[in-house]
C-alpha atoms as a PDB file:
ATOM      1  CA  UNK A   1      24.415 -11.625  -1.169  1.00  0.00           C
ATOM      2  CA  UNK A   2      21.523 -10.101   0.784  1.00  0.00           C
ATOM      3  CA  UNK A   3      18.594  -8.633  -1.089  1.00  0.00           C
ATOM      4  CA  UNK A   4      18.306  -4.978  -0.096  1.00  0.00           C
ATOM      5  CA  UNK A   5      15.226  -2.796  -0.216  1.00  0.00           C
ATOM      6  CA  UNK A   6      15.177   0.944  -0.429  1.00  0.00           C
ATOM      7  CA  UNK A   7      12.313   3.051   0.875  1.00  0.00           C
ATOM      8  CA  UNK A   8      11.474   3.831  -2.757  1.00  0.00           C
ATOM      9  CA  UNK A   9      11.188   0.146  -3.662  1.00  0.00           C
ATOM     10  CA  UNK A  10       9.020  -0.556  -0.626  1.00  0.00           C
ATOM     11  CA  UNK A  11       6.708   2.338  -1.489  1.00  0.00           C
ATOM     12  CA  UNK A  12       6.456   1.296  -5.135  1.00  0.00           C
ATOM     13  CA  UNK A  13       5.577  -2.264  -4.122  1.00  0.00           C
ATOM     14  CA  UNK A  14       3.028  -1.020  -1.577  1.00  0.00           C
ATOM     15  CA  UNK A  15       1.415   1.240  -4.192  1.00  0.00           C
ATOM     16  CA  UNK A  16       1.116  -1.694  -6.581  1.00  0.00           C
ATOM     17  CA  UNK A  17      -0.530  -3.793  -3.855  1.00  0.00           C
ATOM     18  CA  UNK A  18      -3.027  -1.000  -3.163  1.00  0.00           C
ATOM     19  CA  UNK A  19      -3.910  -0.873  -6.869  1.00  0.00           C
ATOM     20  CA  UNK A  20      -4.358  -4.648  -6.968  1.00  0.00           C
ATOM     21  CA  UNK A  21      -6.578  -4.501  -3.877  1.00  0.00           C
ATOM     22  CA  UNK A  22      -8.728  -1.805  -5.443  1.00  0.00           C
ATOM     23  CA  UNK A  23      -9.314  -3.975  -8.502  1.00  0.00           C
ATOM     24  CA  UNK A  24     -10.122  -7.003  -6.373  1.00  0.00           C
ATOM     25  CA  UNK A  25     -12.720  -5.069  -4.372  1.00  0.00           C
ATOM     26  CA  UNK A  26     -14.235  -3.561  -7.523  1.00  0.00           C
ATOM     27  CA  UNK A  27     -14.486  -7.004  -9.104  1.00  0.00           C
ATOM     28  CA  UNK A  28     -16.091  -8.421  -5.970  1.00  0.00           C
ATOM     29  CA  UNK A  29     -18.568  -5.545  -5.765  1.00  0.00           C
ATOM     30  CA  UNK A  30     -19.707  -6.258  -9.324  1.00  0.00           C
ATOM     31  CA  UNK A  31     -20.336  -9.914  -8.454  1.00  0.00           C
ATOM     32  CA  UNK A  32     -22.436  -9.176  -5.376  1.00  0.00           C
ATOM     33  CA  UNK A  33     -26.204  -9.353  -5.631  1.00  0.00           C
ATOM     34  CA  UNK A  34     -26.731  -7.949  -2.143  1.00  0.00           C
ATOM     35  CA  UNK A  35     -26.573  -4.144  -2.264  1.00  0.00           C
ATOM     36  CA  UNK A  36     -25.042  -3.857   1.229  1.00  0.00           C
ATOM     37  CA  UNK A  37     -22.202  -6.207   0.252  1.00  0.00           C
ATOM     38  CA  UNK A  38     -21.766  -4.322  -3.010  1.00  0.00           C
ATOM     39  CA  UNK A  39     -21.487  -1.025  -1.116  1.00  0.00           C
ATOM     40  CA  UNK A  40     -19.046  -2.523   1.390  1.00  0.00           C
ATOM     41  CA  UNK A  41     -16.690  -3.623  -1.391  1.00  0.00           C
ATOM     42  CA  UNK A  42     -16.980  -0.230  -3.099  1.00  0.00           C
ATOM     43  CA  UNK A  43     -16.035   1.453   0.169  1.00  0.00           C
ATOM     44  CA  UNK A  44     -13.066  -0.866   0.586  1.00  0.00           C
ATOM     45  CA  UNK A  45     -11.911   0.009  -2.944  1.00  0.00           C
ATOM     46  CA  UNK A  46     -12.162   3.705  -2.079  1.00  0.00           C
ATOM     47  CA  UNK A  47     -10.126   3.187   1.086  1.00  0.00           C
ATOM     48  CA  UNK A  48      -7.424   1.401  -0.896  1.00  0.00           C
ATOM     49  CA  UNK A  49      -7.393   4.312  -3.350  1.00  0.00           C
ATOM     50  CA  UNK A  50      -6.839   6.659  -0.412  1.00  0.00           C
ATOM     51  CA  UNK A  51      -3.931   4.512   0.760  1.00  0.00           C
ATOM     52  CA  UNK A  52      -2.482   4.582  -2.755  1.00  0.00           C
ATOM     53  CA  UNK A  53      -2.703   8.379  -2.888  1.00  0.00           C
ATOM     54  CA  UNK A  54      -1.067   8.732   0.522  1.00  0.00           C
ATOM     55  CA  UNK A  55       1.808   6.457  -0.476  1.00  0.00           C
ATOM     56  CA  UNK A  56       2.251   8.297  -3.782  1.00  0.00           C
ATOM     57  CA  UNK A  57       2.382  11.633  -1.958  1.00  0.00           C
ATOM     58  CA  UNK A  58       5.028  10.250   0.363  1.00  0.00           C
ATOM     59  CA  UNK A  59       7.002   8.822  -2.555  1.00  0.00           C
ATOM     60  CA  UNK A  60       7.019  12.233  -4.254  1.00  0.00           C
ATOM     61  CA  UNK A  61       7.898  14.143  -1.069  1.00  0.00           C
ATOM     62  CA  UNK A  62       4.522  15.883  -0.911  1.00  0.00           C
ATOM     63  CA  UNK A  63       3.551  15.065   2.686  1.00  0.00           C
ATOM     64  CA  UNK A  64       3.856  17.653   5.419  1.00  0.00           C
ATOM     65  CA  UNK A  65       6.256  17.106   8.287  1.00  0.00           C
ATOM     66  CA  UNK A  66       5.352  14.535  10.898  1.00  0.00           C
ATOM     67  CA  UNK A  67       3.737  12.039   8.543  1.00  0.00           C
ATOM     68  CA  UNK A  68       5.538   8.849   7.547  1.00  0.00           C
ATOM     69  CA  UNK A  69       9.022   9.913   8.502  1.00  0.00           C
ATOM     70  CA  UNK A  70      11.724   8.547   6.196  1.00  0.00           C
ATOM     71  CA  UNK A  71      13.933   7.481   9.072  1.00  0.00           C
ATOM     72  CA  UNK A  72      11.219   5.378  10.654  1.00  0.00           C
ATOM     73  CA  UNK A  73      11.965   1.698  10.757  1.00  0.00           C
ATOM     74  CA  UNK A  74       9.772  -1.137   9.644  1.00  0.00           C
ATOM     75  CA  UNK A  75       9.029  -4.389  11.384  1.00  0.00           C
ATOM     76  CA  UNK A  76      11.417  -7.106  10.318  1.00  0.00           C
ATOM     77  CA  UNK A  77       8.559  -9.450   9.412  1.00  0.00           C
ATOM     78  CA  UNK A  78       7.173  -6.804   7.033  1.00  0.00           C
ATOM     79  CA  UNK A  79      10.554  -6.426   5.381  1.00  0.00           C
ATOM     80  CA  UNK A  80      10.902 -10.184   5.055  1.00  0.00           C
ATOM     81  CA  UNK A  81       7.511 -10.285   3.320  1.00  0.00           C
ATOM     82  CA  UNK A  82       9.236  -8.369   0.529  1.00  0.00           C
ATOM     83  CA  UNK A  83      12.089 -10.870   0.527  1.00  0.00           C
ATOM     84  CA  UNK A  84      14.604  -8.476   2.046  1.00  0.00           C
ATOM     85  CA  UNK A  85      17.198  -9.219   4.652  1.00  0.00           C
ATOM     86  CA  UNK A  86      18.324  -5.579   4.873  1.00  0.00           C
ATOM     87  CA  UNK A  87      16.361  -2.354   4.579  1.00  0.00           C
ATOM     88  CA  UNK A  88      18.077   0.876   3.578  1.00  0.00           C
ATOM     89  CA  UNK A  89      16.595   4.327   4.152  1.00  0.00           C
END
């Protein structure tokens, strides 16, 4: 039987990855002795937080028309990264 992904499952997984990335960048920023590197990792963490917020807005139907349309497809290789052979909208 094929493993099927819904848009909701994909979004939830993507949100979790954004949260994990934020933590990674925060951890790395704390380990840096160079202030420029520290700032770069802080900025990356902030960008990931922005991605998380965007995905959460989409998940909750809060985005205005024209952004991240539900009917839009995904690349097959991206879907396979989640272990899916079929993607449902």
